[in-house]
Amino acid sequence: MAARRKYSPKMKANIVFKAIRSNNASEVAREYGISPNLVSKWRKDLIEKAPQIFDNAPDKQIERLKRKIHKLEQIIGQKEVEINLIRNFADFYESPNGD
């Protein structure tokens, strides 16, 4: 059984665009030594996912996550200060004979 070849996303896109331009997926598939069904699948995937390219929602989500990270970093910093204060108080109030 032959090993499956891996195609980069860029290569897949180039093959699909060539098939669209030539309007002949079978010919392009033969040229690259792949199944016409595979070219058709990649074309379908491209068409289905194309609207995501123009979607600004990922940018908004990234900004929301960055704000959340910043807030969590502030909380961690605050907790580190609290822990250090507790350690200092514990050291200060510890008796000299170890009680």
C-alpha atoms as a PDB file:
ATOM      1  CA  MET A   1       0.000   0.000   0.000  1.00  0.00           C
ATOM      2  CA  ALA A   2       1.382   3.387  -1.015  1.00  0.00           C
ATOM      3  CA  ALA A   3       2.011   5.996   1.661  1.00  0.00           C
ATOM      4  CA  ARG A   4      -0.282   8.980   1.673  1.00  0.00           C
ATOM      5  CA  ARG A   5       1.289  12.154   0.410  1.00  0.00           C
ATOM      6  CA  LYS A   6       0.923  15.292   2.455  1.00  0.00           C
ATOM      7  CA  TYR A   7       0.078  18.541   0.734  1.00  0.00           C
ATOM      8  CA  SER A   8       0.601  21.920   2.320  1.00  0.00           C
ATOM      9  CA  PRO A   9      -2.392  24.240   2.535  1.00  0.00           C
ATOM     10  CA  LYS A  10      -0.688  26.524   0.006  1.00  0.00           C
ATOM     11  CA  MET A  11      -0.222  23.654  -2.452  1.00  0.00           C
ATOM     12  CA  LYS A  12      -3.863  22.598  -2.059  1.00  0.00           C
ATOM     13  CA  ALA A  13      -5.014  26.151  -2.709  1.00  0.00           C
ATOM     14  CA  ASN A  14      -2.802  26.438  -5.800  1.00  0.00           C
ATOM     15  CA  ILE A  15      -4.175  23.173  -7.197  1.00  0.00           C
ATOM     16  CA  VAL A  16      -7.775  24.239  -6.539  1.00  0.00           C
ATOM     17  CA  PHE A  17      -7.244  27.679  -8.084  1.00  0.00           C
ATOM     18  CA  LYS A  18      -5.678  26.091 -11.147  1.00  0.00           C
ATOM     19  CA  ALA A  19      -8.637  23.703 -11.441  1.00  0.00           C
ATOM     20  CA  ILE A  20     -11.077  26.610 -11.144  1.00  0.00           C
ATOM     21  CA  ARG A  21      -9.224  28.699 -13.733  1.00  0.00           C
ATOM     22  CA  SER A  22      -9.005  25.823 -16.211  1.00  0.00           C
ATOM     23  CA  ASN A  23     -12.528  24.632 -15.385  1.00  0.00           C
ATOM     24  CA  ASN A  24     -11.165  21.088 -15.586  1.00  0.00           C
ATOM     25  CA  ALA A  25     -10.453  19.416 -12.232  1.00  0.00           C
ATOM     26  CA  SER A  26      -9.695  16.072 -13.890  1.00  0.00           C
ATOM     27  CA  GLU A  27      -6.946  17.526 -16.039  1.00  0.00           C
ATOM     28  CA  VAL A  28      -5.333  19.309 -13.097  1.00  0.00           C
ATOM     29  CA  ALA A  29      -5.623  16.161 -10.970  1.00  0.00           C
ATOM     30  CA  ARG A  30      -3.814  14.136 -13.672  1.00  0.00           C
ATOM     31  CA  GLU A  31      -1.122  16.800 -13.880  1.00  0.00           C
ATOM     32  CA  TYR A  32      -0.418  16.462 -10.147  1.00  0.00           C
ATOM     33  CA  GLY A  33      -1.010  12.702  -9.998  1.00  0.00           C
ATOM     34  CA  ILE A  34      -3.917  12.915  -7.594  1.00  0.00           C
ATOM     35  CA  SER A  35      -7.534  11.863  -7.636  1.00  0.00           C
ATOM     36  CA  PRO A  36     -10.069  14.223  -9.239  1.00  0.00           C
ATOM     37  CA  ASN A  37     -12.268  13.496  -6.206  1.00  0.00           C
ATOM     38  CA  LEU A  38      -9.559  14.904  -3.962  1.00  0.00           C
ATOM     39  CA  VAL A  39      -9.384  18.103  -6.017  1.00  0.00           C
ATOM     40  CA  SER A  40     -13.173  18.370  -5.825  1.00  0.00           C
ATOM     41  CA  LYS A  41     -13.081  17.867  -2.049  1.00  0.00           C
ATOM     42  CA  TRP A  42     -10.438  20.579  -1.642  1.00  0.00           C
ATOM     43  CA  ARG A  43     -12.508  22.908  -3.855  1.00  0.00           C
ATOM     44  CA  LYS A  44     -15.594  22.272  -1.735  1.00  0.00           C
ATOM     45  CA  ASP A  45     -13.592  22.887   1.470  1.00  0.00           C
ATOM     46  CA  LEU A  46     -12.240  26.154   0.052  1.00  0.00           C
ATOM     47  CA  ILE A  47     -15.687  27.384  -0.924  1.00  0.00           C
ATOM     48  CA  GLU A  48     -17.151  26.470   2.482  1.00  0.00           C
ATOM     49  CA  LYS A  49     -14.366  28.142   4.462  1.00  0.00           C
ATOM     50  CA  ALA A  50     -13.885  31.205   2.252  1.00  0.00           C
ATOM     51  CA  PRO A  51     -16.298  33.436   4.246  1.00  0.00           C
ATOM     52  CA  GLN A  52     -14.090  33.017   7.335  1.00  0.00           C
ATOM     53  CA  ILE A  53     -11.355  34.990   5.575  1.00  0.00           C
ATOM     54  CA  PHE A  54     -13.558  38.074   5.709  1.00  0.00           C
ATOM     55  CA  ASP A  55     -14.839  37.521   9.238  1.00  0.00           C
ATOM     56  CA  ASN A  56     -13.597  40.016  11.822  1.00  0.00           C
ATOM     57  CA  ALA A  57     -14.807  37.881  14.740  1.00  0.00           C
ATOM     58  CA  PRO A  58     -11.437  36.154  15.238  1.00  0.00           C
ATOM     59  CA  ASP A  59      -9.840  39.595  15.770  1.00  0.00           C
ATOM     60  CA  LYS A  60     -12.471  40.437  18.380  1.00  0.00           C
ATOM     61  CA  GLN A  61     -11.967  37.082  20.057  1.00  0.00           C
ATOM     62  CA  ILE A  62      -8.200  37.597  20.158  1.00  0.00           C
ATOM     63  CA  GLU A  63      -8.657  41.018  21.768  1.00  0.00           C
ATOM     64  CA  ARG A  64     -11.083  39.555  24.318  1.00  0.00           C
ATOM     65  CA  LEU A  65      -8.608  36.804  25.179  1.00  0.00           C
ATOM     66  CA  LYS A  66      -5.745  39.317  25.487  1.00  0.00           C
ATOM     67  CA  ARG A  67      -7.823  41.354  27.956  1.00  0.00           C
ATOM     68  CA  LYS A  68      -8.589  38.204  29.932  1.00  0.00           C
ATOM     69  CA  ILE A  69      -4.895  37.257  30.030  1.00  0.00           C
ATOM     70  CA  HIS A  70      -4.000  40.752  31.247  1.00  0.00           C
ATOM     71  CA  LYS A  71      -6.606  40.552  34.007  1.00  0.00           C
ATOM     72  CA  LEU A  72      -5.385  37.104  35.079  1.00  0.00           C
ATOM     73  CA  GLU A  73      -1.774  38.320  35.113  1.00  0.00           C
ATOM     74  CA  GLN A  74      -2.846  41.160  37.427  1.00  0.00           C
ATOM     75  CA  ILE A  75      -4.574  38.684  39.740  1.00  0.00           C
ATOM     76  CA  ILE A  76      -1.465  36.495  39.812  1.00  0.00           C
ATOM     77  CA  GLY A  77       0.686  39.512  40.672  1.00  0.00           C
ATOM     78  CA  GLN A  78      -1.698  40.466  43.472  1.00  0.00           C
ATOM     79  CA  LYS A  79      -1.637  36.914  44.858  1.00  0.00           C
ATOM     80  CA  GLU A  80       2.178  36.882  44.771  1.00  0.00           C
ATOM     81  CA  VAL A  81       2.210  40.089  46.845  1.00  0.00           C
ATOM     82  CA  GLU A  82      -0.263  38.587  49.309  1.00  0.00           C
ATOM     83  CA  ILE A  83       1.819  35.401  49.635  1.00  0.00           C
ATOM     84  CA  ASN A  84       4.973  37.439  50.269  1.00  0.00           C
ATOM     85  CA  LEU A  85       3.189  39.519  52.914  1.00  0.00           C
ATOM     86  CA  ILE A  86       1.962  36.391  54.678  1.00  0.00           C
ATOM     87  CA  ARG A  87       5.484  34.926  54.603  1.00  0.00           C
ATOM     88  CA  ASN A  88       6.920  38.151  56.013  1.00  0.00           C
ATOM     89  CA  PHE A  89       4.334  38.251  58.809  1.00  0.00           C
ATOM     90  CA  ALA A  90       4.955  34.581  59.575  1.00  0.00           C
ATOM     91  CA  ASP A  91       8.704  35.185  59.749  1.00  0.00           C
ATOM     92  CA  PHE A  92       8.196  38.306  61.903  1.00  0.00           C
ATOM     93  CA  TYR A  93       5.896  36.640  64.409  1.00  0.00           C
ATOM     94  CA  GLU A  94       7.846  33.402  64.589  1.00  0.00           C
ATOM     95  CA  SER A  95       9.383  33.034  67.997  1.00  0.00           C
ATOM     96  CA  PRO A  96      13.167  32.925  68.293  1.00  0.00           C
ATOM     97  CA  ASN A  97      13.135  29.494  69.978  1.00  0.00           C
ATOM     98  CA  GLY A  98      11.043  27.846  67.211  1.00  0.00           C
ATOM     99  CA  ASP A  99       7.640  27.670  68.989  1.00  0.00           C
END
